[in-house]
Each structure stands twice: as C-alpha cells, then as structure tokens.
Full PDB file with SEQRES, HELIX, SHEET, SSBOND, CRYST1, ORIGX, SCALE, CONECT and MASTER records, all heavy atoms in Angstrom:
SEQRES   1 A   38  SER ASP ALA MET THR PRO ILE SER GLU THR PHE ALA ILE          
SEQRES   2 A   38  ASP ILE ASN ALA LYS LEU ASP LYS GLU LEU MET ASN LEU          
SEQRES   3 A   38  ILE VAL GLU LYS GLY HIS SER ARG VAL PRO VAL TYR              
HELIX    1 AA1 ILE A    7  GLU A    9  5                                   3    
HELIX    2 AA2 LYS A   21  LYS A   30  1                                  10    
CRYST1    1.000    1.000    1.000  90.00  90.00  90.00 P 1           1          
ORIGX1      1.000000  0.000000  0.000000        0.00000                         
ORIGX2      0.000000  1.000000  0.000000        0.00000                         
ORIGX3      0.000000  0.000000  1.000000        0.00000                         
SCALE1      1.000000  0.000000  0.000000        0.00000                         
SCALE2      0.000000  1.000000  0.000000        0.00000                         
SCALE3      0.000000  0.000000  1.000000        0.00000                         
ATOM      1  N   SER A   1       0.814  -1.219   0.000  1.00  0.00           N  
ATOM      2  CA  SER A   1       0.000   0.000   0.000  1.00  0.00           C  
ATOM      3  C   SER A   1       0.845   1.265   0.000  1.00  0.00           C  
ATOM      4  O   SER A   1       0.362   2.334  -0.375  1.00  0.00           O  
ATOM      5  CB  SER A   1      -0.935   0.001   1.213  1.00  0.00           C  
ATOM      6  OG  SER A   1      -0.191  -0.060   2.420  1.00  0.00           O  
ATOM      7  N   ASP A   2       2.117   1.178   0.430  1.00  0.00           N  
ATOM      8  CA  ASP A   2       2.989   2.352   0.464  1.00  0.00           C  
ATOM      9  C   ASP A   2       3.566   2.693  -0.901  1.00  0.00           C  
ATOM     10  O   ASP A   2       3.976   3.840  -1.121  1.00  0.00           O  
ATOM     11  CB  ASP A   2       4.139   2.128   1.460  1.00  0.00           C  
ATOM     12  CG  ASP A   2       3.647   1.959   2.880  1.00  0.00           C  
ATOM     13  OD1 ASP A   2       2.678   2.646   3.249  1.00  0.00           O  
ATOM     14  OD2 ASP A   2       4.223   1.125   3.615  1.00  0.00           O  
ATOM     15  N   ALA A   3       3.654   1.721  -1.795  1.00  0.00           N  
ATOM     16  CA  ALA A   3       4.312   1.944  -3.086  1.00  0.00           C  
ATOM     17  C   ALA A   3       3.378   1.819  -4.274  1.00  0.00           C  
ATOM     18  O   ALA A   3       3.780   2.102  -5.398  1.00  0.00           O  
ATOM     19  CB  ALA A   3       5.479   0.961  -3.252  1.00  0.00           C  
ATOM     20  N   MET A   4       2.163   1.419  -4.059  1.00  0.00           N  
ATOM     21  CA  MET A   4       1.258   1.139  -5.178  1.00  0.00           C  
ATOM     22  C   MET A   4       0.756   2.434  -5.817  1.00  0.00           C  
ATOM     23  O   MET A   4       0.806   3.520  -5.233  1.00  0.00           O  
ATOM     24  CB  MET A   4       0.065   0.321  -4.689  1.00  0.00           C  
ATOM     25  CG  MET A   4      -0.886   1.120  -3.803  1.00  0.00           C  
ATOM     26  SD  MET A   4      -2.317   0.179  -3.269  1.00  0.00           S  
ATOM     27  CE  MET A   4      -3.260   1.467  -2.435  1.00  0.00           C  
ATOM     28  N   THR A   5       0.243   2.295  -7.042  1.00  0.00           N  
ATOM     29  CA  THR A   5      -0.491   3.358  -7.716  1.00  0.00           C  
ATOM     30  C   THR A   5      -1.976   3.121  -7.484  1.00  0.00           C  
ATOM     31  O   THR A   5      -2.474   2.024  -7.759  1.00  0.00           O  
ATOM     32  CB  THR A   5      -0.195   3.356  -9.226  1.00  0.00           C  
ATOM     33  OG1 THR A   5       1.202   3.536  -9.434  1.00  0.00           O  
ATOM     34  CG2 THR A   5      -0.962   4.457  -9.929  1.00  0.00           C  
ATOM     35  N   PRO A   6      -2.709   4.077  -6.940  1.00  0.00           N  
ATOM     36  CA  PRO A   6      -4.145   3.854  -6.668  1.00  0.00           C  
ATOM     37  C   PRO A   6      -4.873   3.416  -7.925  1.00  0.00           C  
ATOM     38  O   PRO A   6      -4.543   3.806  -9.042  1.00  0.00           O  
ATOM     39  CB  PRO A   6      -4.627   5.224  -6.171  1.00  0.00           C  
ATOM     40  CG  PRO A   6      -3.393   5.886  -5.636  1.00  0.00           C  
ATOM     41  CD  PRO A   6      -2.269   5.413  -6.505  1.00  0.00           C  
ATOM     42  N   ILE A   7      -5.892   2.600  -7.727  1.00  0.00           N  
ATOM     43  CA  ILE A   7      -6.636   2.047  -8.858  1.00  0.00           C  
ATOM     44  C   ILE A   7      -7.322   3.143  -9.663  1.00  0.00           C  
ATOM     45  O   ILE A   7      -7.528   3.004 -10.882  1.00  0.00           O  
ATOM     46  CB  ILE A   7      -7.678   1.016  -8.341  1.00  0.00           C  
ATOM     47  CG1 ILE A   7      -8.095   0.061  -9.472  1.00  0.00           C  
ATOM     48  CG2 ILE A   7      -8.867   1.711  -7.719  1.00  0.00           C  
ATOM     49  CD1 ILE A   7      -7.047  -0.899  -9.878  1.00  0.00           C  
ATOM     50  N   SER A   8      -7.646   4.269  -9.008  1.00  0.00           N  
ATOM     51  CA  SER A   8      -8.299   5.378  -9.718  1.00  0.00           C  
ATOM     52  C   SER A   8      -7.352   6.085 -10.673  1.00  0.00           C  
ATOM     53  O   SER A   8      -7.795   6.768 -11.601  1.00  0.00           O  
ATOM     54  CB  SER A   8      -8.866   6.383  -8.705  1.00  0.00           C  
ATOM     55  OG  SER A   8      -7.829   6.887  -7.873  1.00  0.00           O  
ATOM     56  N   GLU A   9      -6.047   5.953 -10.450  1.00  0.00           N  
ATOM     57  CA  GLU A   9      -5.057   6.597 -11.307  1.00  0.00           C  
ATOM     58  C   GLU A   9      -4.408   5.617 -12.280  1.00  0.00           C  
ATOM     59  O   GLU A   9      -3.467   5.973 -12.983  1.00  0.00           O  
ATOM     60  CB  GLU A   9      -3.972   7.250 -10.442  1.00  0.00           C  
ATOM     61  CG  GLU A   9      -4.511   8.277  -9.452  1.00  0.00           C  
ATOM     62  CD  GLU A   9      -3.426   8.836  -8.551  1.00  0.00           C  
ATOM     63  OE1 GLU A   9      -2.245   8.523  -8.814  1.00  0.00           O  
ATOM     64  OE2 GLU A   9      -3.754   9.562  -7.600  1.00  0.00           O  
ATOM     65  N   THR A  10      -4.899   4.396 -12.311  1.00  0.00           N  
ATOM     66  CA  THR A  10      -4.312   3.366 -13.157  1.00  0.00           C  
ATOM     67  C   THR A  10      -4.948   3.378 -14.541  1.00  0.00           C  
ATOM     68  O   THR A  10      -6.180   3.440 -14.671  1.00  0.00           O  
ATOM     69  CB  THR A  10      -4.497   1.977 -12.515  1.00  0.00           C  
ATOM     70  OG1 THR A  10      -3.902   1.981 -11.224  1.00  0.00           O  
ATOM     71  CG2 THR A  10      -3.853   0.899 -13.369  1.00  0.00           C  
ATOM     72  N   PHE A  11      -4.130   3.320 -15.571  1.00  0.00           N  
ATOM     73  CA  PHE A  11      -4.619   3.222 -16.939  1.00  0.00           C  
ATOM     74  C   PHE A  11      -4.857   1.754 -17.274  1.00  0.00           C  
ATOM     75  O   PHE A  11      -3.937   0.940 -17.223  1.00  0.00           O  
ATOM     76  CB  PHE A  11      -3.598   3.821 -17.912  1.00  0.00           C  
ATOM     77  CG  PHE A  11      -3.929   3.561 -19.364  1.00  0.00           C  
ATOM     78  CD1 PHE A  11      -5.036   4.141 -19.950  1.00  0.00           C  
ATOM     79  CD2 PHE A  11      -3.132   2.715 -20.124  1.00  0.00           C  
ATOM     80  CE1 PHE A  11      -5.342   3.899 -21.283  1.00  0.00           C  
ATOM     81  CE2 PHE A  11      -3.429   2.469 -21.443  1.00  0.00           C  
ATOM     82  CZ  PHE A  11      -4.537   3.057 -22.035  1.00  0.00           C  
ATOM     83  N   ALA A  12      -6.099   1.406 -17.578  1.00  0.00           N  
ATOM     84  CA  ALA A  12      -6.471   0.036 -17.918  1.00  0.00           C  
ATOM     85  C   ALA A  12      -7.469   0.072 -19.065  1.00  0.00           C  
ATOM     86  O   ALA A  12      -8.144   1.083 -19.305  1.00  0.00           O  
ATOM     87  CB  ALA A  12      -7.058  -0.684 -16.706  1.00  0.00           C  
ATOM     88  N   ILE A  13      -7.571  -1.047 -19.786  1.00  0.00           N  
ATOM     89  CA  ILE A  13      -8.483  -1.134 -20.925  1.00  0.00           C  
ATOM     90  C   ILE A  13      -9.476  -2.262 -20.701  1.00  0.00           C  
ATOM     91  O   ILE A  13      -9.185  -3.239 -20.003  1.00  0.00           O  
ATOM     92  CB  ILE A  13      -7.706  -1.356 -22.247  1.00  0.00           C  
ATOM     93  CG1 ILE A  13      -6.886  -2.641 -22.176  1.00  0.00           C  
ATOM     94  CG2 ILE A  13      -6.814  -0.170 -22.545  1.00  0.00           C  
ATOM     95  CD1 ILE A  13      -6.146  -2.958 -23.469  1.00  0.00           C  
ATOM     96  N   ASP A  14     -10.641  -2.103 -21.308  1.00  0.00           N  
ATOM     97  CA  ASP A  14     -11.704  -3.092 -21.174  1.00  0.00           C  
ATOM     98  C   ASP A  14     -11.412  -4.281 -22.075  1.00  0.00           C  
ATOM     99  O   ASP A  14     -10.937  -4.128 -23.207  1.00  0.00           O  
ATOM    100  CB  ASP A  14     -13.041  -2.454 -21.557  1.00  0.00           C  
ATOM    101  CG  ASP A  14     -14.232  -3.342 -21.213  1.00  0.00           C  
ATOM    102  OD1 ASP A  14     -14.007  -4.498 -20.776  1.00  0.00           O  
ATOM    103  OD2 ASP A  14     -15.371  -2.885 -21.394  1.00  0.00           O  
ATOM    104  N   ILE A  15     -11.681  -5.486 -21.560  1.00  0.00           N  
ATOM    105  CA  ILE A  15     -11.424  -6.691 -22.340  1.00  0.00           C  
ATOM    106  C   ILE A  15     -12.341  -6.773 -23.562  1.00  0.00           C  
ATOM    107  O   ILE A  15     -12.021  -7.423 -24.556  1.00  0.00           O  
ATOM    108  CB  ILE A  15     -11.571  -7.953 -21.465  1.00  0.00           C  
ATOM    109  CG1 ILE A  15     -10.993  -9.165 -22.189  1.00  0.00           C  
ATOM    110  CG2 ILE A  15     -13.022  -8.171 -21.061  1.00  0.00           C  
ATOM    111  CD1 ILE A  15     -10.926 -10.405 -21.341  1.00  0.00           C  
ATOM    112  N   ASN A  16     -13.476  -6.084 -23.508  1.00  0.00           N  
ATOM    113  CA  ASN A  16     -14.416  -6.101 -24.629  1.00  0.00           C  
ATOM    114  C   ASN A  16     -14.163  -4.960 -25.611  1.00  0.00           C  
ATOM    115  O   ASN A  16     -14.906  -4.819 -26.596  1.00  0.00           O  
ATOM    116  CB  ASN A  16     -15.858  -6.027 -24.121  1.00  0.00           C  
ATOM    117  CG  ASN A  16     -16.243  -7.275 -23.327  1.00  0.00           C  
ATOM    118  OD1 ASN A  16     -15.909  -8.394 -23.733  1.00  0.00           O  
ATOM    119  ND2 ASN A  16     -16.923  -7.089 -22.209  1.00  0.00           N  
ATOM    120  N   ALA A  17     -13.155  -4.130 -25.356  1.00  0.00           N  
ATOM    121  CA  ALA A  17     -12.850  -3.028 -26.270  1.00  0.00           C  
ATOM    122  C   ALA A  17     -12.148  -3.561 -27.514  1.00  0.00           C  
ATOM    123  O   ALA A  17     -11.665  -4.706 -27.558  1.00  0.00           O  
ATOM    124  CB  ALA A  17     -11.984  -1.994 -25.558  1.00  0.00           C  
ATOM    125  N   LYS A  18     -12.086  -2.708 -28.517  1.00  0.00           N  
ATOM    126  CA  LYS A  18     -11.413  -3.062 -29.758  1.00  0.00           C  
ATOM    127  C   LYS A  18     -10.154  -2.216 -29.919  1.00  0.00           C  
ATOM    128  O   LYS A  18     -10.150  -1.022 -29.594  1.00  0.00           O  
ATOM    129  CB  LYS A  18     -12.345  -2.843 -30.953  1.00  0.00           C  
ATOM    130  CG  LYS A  18     -13.557  -3.764 -30.962  1.00  0.00           C  
ATOM    131  CD  LYS A  18     -14.414  -3.526 -32.179  1.00  0.00           C  
ATOM    132  CE  LYS A  18     -15.619  -4.476 -32.192  1.00  0.00           C  
ATOM    133  NZ  LYS A  18     -16.481  -4.261 -33.394  1.00  0.00           N  
ATOM    134  N   LEU A  19      -9.116  -2.857 -30.418  1.00  0.00           N  
ATOM    135  CA  LEU A  19      -7.844  -2.172 -30.606  1.00  0.00           C  
ATOM    136  C   LEU A  19      -7.880  -1.371 -31.902  1.00  0.00           C  
ATOM    137  O   LEU A  19      -7.207  -1.678 -32.893  1.00  0.00           O  
ATOM    138  CB  LEU A  19      -6.706  -3.195 -30.617  1.00  0.00           C  
ATOM    139  CG  LEU A  19      -6.458  -3.915 -29.290  1.00  0.00           C  
ATOM    140  CD1 LEU A  19      -5.514  -5.088 -29.461  1.00  0.00           C  
ATOM    141  CD2 LEU A  19      -5.906  -2.939 -28.254  1.00  0.00           C  
ATOM    142  N   ASP A  20      -8.677  -0.297 -31.889  1.00  0.00           N  
ATOM    143  CA  ASP A  20      -8.750   0.572 -33.052  1.00  0.00           C  
ATOM    144  C   ASP A  20      -7.663   1.633 -32.976  1.00  0.00           C  
ATOM    145  O   ASP A  20      -6.816   1.620 -32.082  1.00  0.00           O  
ATOM    146  CB  ASP A  20     -10.138   1.204 -33.147  1.00  0.00           C  
ATOM    147  CG  ASP A  20     -10.550   1.898 -31.851  1.00  0.00           C  
ATOM    148  OD1 ASP A  20      -9.674   2.085 -30.970  1.00  0.00           O  
ATOM    149  OD2 ASP A  20     -11.735   2.243 -31.700  1.00  0.00           O  
ATOM    150  N   LYS A  21      -7.699   2.555 -33.898  1.00  0.00           N  
ATOM    151  CA  LYS A  21      -6.647   3.565 -33.964  1.00  0.00           C  
ATOM    152  C   LYS A  21      -6.638   4.448 -32.730  1.00  0.00           C  
ATOM    153  O   LYS A  21      -5.577   4.804 -32.210  1.00  0.00           O  
ATOM    154  CB  LYS A  21      -6.856   4.412 -35.224  1.00  0.00           C  
ATOM    155  CG  LYS A  21      -5.744   5.416 -35.472  1.00  0.00           C  
ATOM    156  CD  LYS A  21      -5.951   6.151 -36.779  1.00  0.00           C  
ATOM    157  CE  LYS A  21      -4.809   7.139 -37.033  1.00  0.00           C  
ATOM    158  NZ  LYS A  21      -4.978   7.872 -38.315  1.00  0.00           N  
ATOM    159  N   GLU A  22      -7.826   4.802 -32.240  1.00  0.00           N  
ATOM    160  CA  GLU A  22      -7.901   5.669 -31.062  1.00  0.00           C  
ATOM    161  C   GLU A  22      -7.302   4.999 -29.833  1.00  0.00           C  
ATOM    162  O   GLU A  22      -6.517   5.612 -29.091  1.00  0.00           O  
ATOM    163  CB  GLU A  22      -9.358   6.048 -30.810  1.00  0.00           C  
ATOM    164  CG  GLU A  22      -9.545   6.984 -29.621  1.00  0.00           C  
ATOM    165  CD  GLU A  22     -11.017   7.326 -29.380  1.00  0.00           C  
ATOM    166  OE1 GLU A  22     -11.870   6.877 -30.181  1.00  0.00           O  
ATOM    167  OE2 GLU A  22     -11.291   8.021 -28.383  1.00  0.00           O  
ATOM    168  N   LEU A  23      -7.668   3.730 -29.599  1.00  0.00           N  
ATOM    169  CA  LEU A  23      -7.145   3.025 -28.429  1.00  0.00           C  
ATOM    170  C   LEU A  23      -5.653   2.754 -28.571  1.00  0.00           C  
ATOM    171  O   LEU A  23      -4.894   2.869 -27.595  1.00  0.00           O  
ATOM    172  CB  LEU A  23      -7.908   1.712 -28.224  1.00  0.00           C  
ATOM    173  CG  LEU A  23      -7.501   0.876 -27.006  1.00  0.00           C  
ATOM    174  CD1 LEU A  23      -7.622   1.693 -25.729  1.00  0.00           C  
ATOM    175  CD2 LEU A  23      -8.339  -0.391 -26.909  1.00  0.00           C  
ATOM    176  N   MET A  24      -5.200   2.401 -29.761  1.00  0.00           N  
ATOM    177  CA  MET A  24      -3.771   2.151 -29.973  1.00  0.00           C  
ATOM    178  C   MET A  24      -2.960   3.427 -29.750  1.00  0.00           C  
ATOM    179  O   MET A  24      -1.887   3.394 -29.136  1.00  0.00           O  
ATOM    180  CB  MET A  24      -3.555   1.617 -31.375  1.00  0.00           C  
ATOM    181  CG  MET A  24      -4.177   0.246 -31.625  1.00  0.00           C  
ATOM    182  SD  MET A  24      -3.250  -1.104 -30.882  1.00  0.00           S  
ATOM    183  CE  MET A  24      -1.934  -1.280 -32.052  1.00  0.00           C  
ATOM    184  N   ASN A  25      -3.474   4.571 -30.215  1.00  0.00           N  
ATOM    185  CA  ASN A  25      -2.784   5.841 -29.978  1.00  0.00           C  
ATOM    186  C   ASN A  25      -2.731   6.171 -28.486  1.00  0.00           C  
ATOM    187  O   ASN A  25      -1.734   6.714 -27.990  1.00  0.00           O  
ATOM    188  CB  ASN A  25      -3.476   6.969 -30.735  1.00  0.00           C  
ATOM    189  CG  ASN A  25      -3.278   6.874 -32.235  1.00  0.00           C  
ATOM    190  OD1 ASN A  25      -2.305   6.263 -32.691  1.00  0.00           O  
ATOM    191  ND2 ASN A  25      -4.186   7.465 -33.001  1.00  0.00           N  
ATOM    192  N   LEU A  26      -3.807   5.848 -27.772  1.00  0.00           N  
ATOM    193  CA  LEU A  26      -3.827   6.104 -26.325  1.00  0.00           C  
ATOM    194  C   LEU A  26      -2.799   5.245 -25.608  1.00  0.00           C  
ATOM    195  O   LEU A  26      -2.106   5.719 -24.691  1.00  0.00           O  
ATOM    196  CB  LEU A  26      -5.232   5.833 -25.783  1.00  0.00           C  
ATOM    197  CG  LEU A  26      -5.449   6.123 -24.295  1.00  0.00           C  
ATOM    198  CD1 LEU A  26      -5.153   7.586 -23.986  1.00  0.00           C  
ATOM    199  CD2 LEU A  26      -6.868   5.757 -23.877  1.00  0.00           C  
ATOM    200  N   ILE A  27      -2.680   3.974 -26.027  1.00  0.00           N  
ATOM    201  CA  ILE A  27      -1.678   3.090 -25.410  1.00  0.00           C  
ATOM    202  C   ILE A  27      -0.274   3.596 -25.689  1.00  0.00           C  
ATOM    203  O   ILE A  27       0.594   3.613 -24.805  1.00  0.00           O  
ATOM    204  CB  ILE A  27      -1.868   1.648 -25.930  1.00  0.00           C  
ATOM    205  CG1 ILE A  27      -3.204   1.076 -25.447  1.00  0.00           C  
ATOM    206  CG2 ILE A  27      -0.717   0.759 -25.469  1.00  0.00           C  
ATOM    207  CD1 ILE A  27      -3.524  -0.301 -26.014  1.00  0.00           C  
ATOM    208  N   VAL A  28      -0.037   4.057 -26.930  1.00  0.00           N  
ATOM    209  CA  VAL A  28       1.284   4.596 -27.277  1.00  0.00           C  
ATOM    210  C   VAL A  28       1.567   5.863 -26.494  1.00  0.00           C  
ATOM    211  O   VAL A  28       2.687   6.108 -26.026  1.00  0.00           O  
ATOM    212  CB  VAL A  28       1.356   4.855 -28.794  1.00  0.00           C  
ATOM    213  CG1 VAL A  28       2.642   5.582 -29.142  1.00  0.00           C  
ATOM    214  CG2 VAL A  28       1.271   3.540 -29.558  1.00  0.00           C  
ATOM    215  N   GLU A  29       0.544   6.701 -26.325  1.00  0.00           N  
ATOM    216  CA  GLU A  29       0.731   7.944 -25.587  1.00  0.00           C  
ATOM    217  C   GLU A  29       1.074   7.689 -24.121  1.00  0.00           C  
ATOM    218  O   GLU A  29       1.913   8.389 -23.538  1.00  0.00           O  
ATOM    219  CB  GLU A  29      -0.541   8.783 -25.685  1.00  0.00           C  
ATOM    220  CG  GLU A  29      -0.452  10.115 -24.956  1.00  0.00           C  
ATOM    221  CD  GLU A  29      -1.756  10.888 -25.017  1.00  0.00           C  
ATOM    222  OE1 GLU A  29      -2.664  10.449 -25.759  1.00  0.00           O  
ATOM    223  OE2 GLU A  29      -1.870  11.909 -24.314  1.00  0.00           O  
ATOM    224  N   LYS A  30       0.442   6.686 -23.510  1.00  0.00           N  
ATOM    225  CA  LYS A  30       0.743   6.367 -22.108  1.00  0.00           C  
ATOM    226  C   LYS A  30       2.156   5.837 -21.956  1.00  0.00           C  
ATOM    227  O   LYS A  30       2.814   6.082 -20.950  1.00  0.00           O  
ATOM    228  CB  LYS A  30      -0.266   5.355 -21.566  1.00  0.00           C  
ATOM    229  CG  LYS A  30      -1.691   5.886 -21.462  1.00  0.00           C  
ATOM    230  CD  LYS A  30      -1.783   7.043 -20.479  1.00  0.00           C  
ATOM    231  CE  LYS A  30      -3.203   7.544 -20.349  1.00  0.00           C  
ATOM    232  NZ  LYS A  30      -3.310   8.670 -19.383  1.00  0.00           N  
ATOM    233  N   GLY A  31       2.635   5.082 -22.941  1.00  0.00           N  
ATOM    234  CA  GLY A  31       4.020   4.623 -22.917  1.00  0.00           C  
ATOM    235  C   GLY A  31       4.316   3.495 -21.961  1.00  0.00           C  
ATOM    236  O   GLY A  31       5.481   3.254 -21.649  1.00  0.00           O  
ATOM    237  N   HIS A  32       3.287   2.783 -21.493  1.00  0.00           N  
ATOM    238  CA  HIS A  32       3.518   1.688 -20.563  1.00  0.00           C  
ATOM    239  C   HIS A  32       3.888   0.423 -21.325  1.00  0.00           C  
ATOM    240  O   HIS A  32       3.364   0.149 -22.420  1.00  0.00           O  
ATOM    241  CB  HIS A  32       2.273   1.419 -19.716  1.00  0.00           C  
ATOM    242  CG  HIS A  32       1.843   2.600 -18.903  1.00  0.00           C  
ATOM    243  ND1 HIS A  32       2.714   3.303 -18.098  1.00  0.00           N  
ATOM    244  CD2 HIS A  32       0.627   3.212 -18.765  1.00  0.00           C  
ATOM    245  CE1 HIS A  32       2.072   4.284 -17.487  1.00  0.00           C  
ATOM    246  NE2 HIS A  32       0.801   4.260 -17.883  1.00  0.00           N  
ATOM    247  N   SER A  33       4.772  -0.368 -20.760  1.00  0.00           N  
ATOM    248  CA  SER A  33       5.142  -1.654 -21.372  1.00  0.00           C  
ATOM    249  C   SER A  33       4.110  -2.727 -21.067  1.00  0.00           C  
ATOM    250  O   SER A  33       4.030  -3.733 -21.780  1.00  0.00           O  
ATOM    251  CB  SER A  33       6.518  -2.099 -20.878  1.00  0.00           C  
ATOM    252  OG  SER A  33       6.513  -2.278 -19.467  1.00  0.00           O  
ATOM    253  N   ARG A  34       3.309  -2.534 -20.013  1.00  0.00           N  
ATOM    254  CA  ARG A  34       2.267  -3.481 -19.625  1.00  0.00           C  
ATOM    255  C   ARG A  34       0.985  -2.702 -19.360  1.00  0.00           C  
ATOM    256  O   ARG A  34       1.018  -1.691 -18.642  1.00  0.00           O  
ATOM    257  CB  ARG A  34       2.667  -4.280 -18.379  1.00  0.00           C  
ATOM    258  CG  ARG A  34       3.853  -5.207 -18.607  1.00  0.00           C  
ATOM    259  CD  ARG A  34       4.397  -5.734 -17.286  1.00  0.00           C  
ATOM    260  NE  ARG A  34       5.482  -6.675 -17.491  1.00  0.00           N  
ATOM    261  CZ  ARG A  34       6.733  -6.333 -17.731  1.00  0.00           C  
ATOM    262  NH1 ARG A  34       7.074  -5.039 -17.758  1.00  0.00           N  
ATOM    263  NH2 ARG A  34       7.671  -7.245 -17.917  1.00  0.00           N  
ATOM    264  N   VAL A  35      -0.096  -3.172 -19.913  1.00  0.00           N  
ATOM    265  CA  VAL A  35      -1.377  -2.480 -19.764  1.00  0.00           C  
ATOM    266  C   VAL A  35      -2.359  -3.432 -19.097  1.00  0.00           C  
ATOM    267  O   VAL A  35      -2.643  -4.516 -19.633  1.00  0.00           O  
ATOM    268  CB  VAL A  35      -1.924  -2.022 -21.126  1.00  0.00           C  
ATOM    269  CG1 VAL A  35      -3.261  -1.289 -20.943  1.00  0.00           C  
ATOM    270  CG2 VAL A  35      -0.925  -1.130 -21.843  1.00  0.00           C  
ATOM    271  N   PRO A  36      -2.905  -3.075 -17.931  1.00  0.00           N  
ATOM    272  CA  PRO A  36      -3.892  -3.944 -17.263  1.00  0.00           C  
ATOM    273  C   PRO A  36      -5.185  -4.035 -18.085  1.00  0.00           C  
ATOM    274  O   PRO A  36      -5.581  -3.083 -18.770  1.00  0.00           O  
ATOM    275  CB  PRO A  36      -4.125  -3.251 -15.920  1.00  0.00           C  
ATOM    276  CG  PRO A  36      -2.941  -2.364 -15.717  1.00  0.00           C  
ATOM    277  CD  PRO A  36      -2.515  -1.934 -17.093  1.00  0.00           C  
ATOM    278  N   VAL A  37      -5.834  -5.176 -17.970  1.00  0.00           N  
ATOM    279  CA  VAL A  37      -7.097  -5.426 -18.660  1.00  0.00           C  
ATOM    280  C   VAL A  37      -8.150  -5.732 -17.597  1.00  0.00           C  
ATOM    281  O   VAL A  37      -7.926  -6.568 -16.713  1.00  0.00           O  
ATOM    282  CB  VAL A  37      -6.974  -6.605 -19.644  1.00  0.00           C  
ATOM    283  CG1 VAL A  37      -8.321  -6.885 -20.305  1.00  0.00           C  
ATOM    284  CG2 VAL A  37      -5.914  -6.308 -20.692  1.00  0.00           C  
ATOM    285  N   TYR A  38      -9.308  -5.040 -17.681  1.00  0.00           N  
ATOM    286  CA  TYR A  38     -10.358  -5.260 -16.699  1.00  0.00           C  
ATOM    287  C   TYR A  38     -11.602  -5.811 -17.385  1.00  0.00           C  
ATOM    288  O   TYR A  38     -11.769  -5.742 -18.607  1.00  0.00           O  
ATOM    289  CB  TYR A  38     -10.686  -3.967 -15.939  1.00  0.00           C  
ATOM    290  CG  TYR A  38     -11.320  -2.877 -16.770  1.00  0.00           C  
ATOM    291  CD1 TYR A  38     -12.703  -2.823 -16.948  1.00  0.00           C  
ATOM    292  CD2 TYR A  38     -10.543  -1.888 -17.358  1.00  0.00           C  
ATOM    293  CE1 TYR A  38     -13.293  -1.821 -17.711  1.00  0.00           C  
ATOM    294  CE2 TYR A  38     -11.121  -0.876 -18.117  1.00  0.00           C  
ATOM    295  CZ  TYR A  38     -12.499  -0.850 -18.291  1.00  0.00           C  
ATOM    296  OH  TYR A  38     -13.086   0.138 -19.046  1.00  0.00           O  
TER     297      TYR A  38                                                      
MASTER        0    0    0    2    0    0    0    6  296    1    0    3          
END                                                                             
C-alpha cells in the first residue's frame, strides 16, 4: 500500500474493447510496457 499506484489513477483497458486507432494511440501515448485489462 505504500508503493502502489491507486486504482483510480491506473490506466487500464476493457477486455471487450477493440484495438482501433484511437485506443492504440492512447496506449502509445501512455508509454507503458504493460497495460492492465479489466
């Protein structure tokens, strides 16, 4: 709990979403190597 990133500030994508241009650009903009899926 001392080192975590709160869930409200976490970037995650919906498992039912589609990897379209908008979502792919958002993932590139965030720059994370791992993206949580909810």
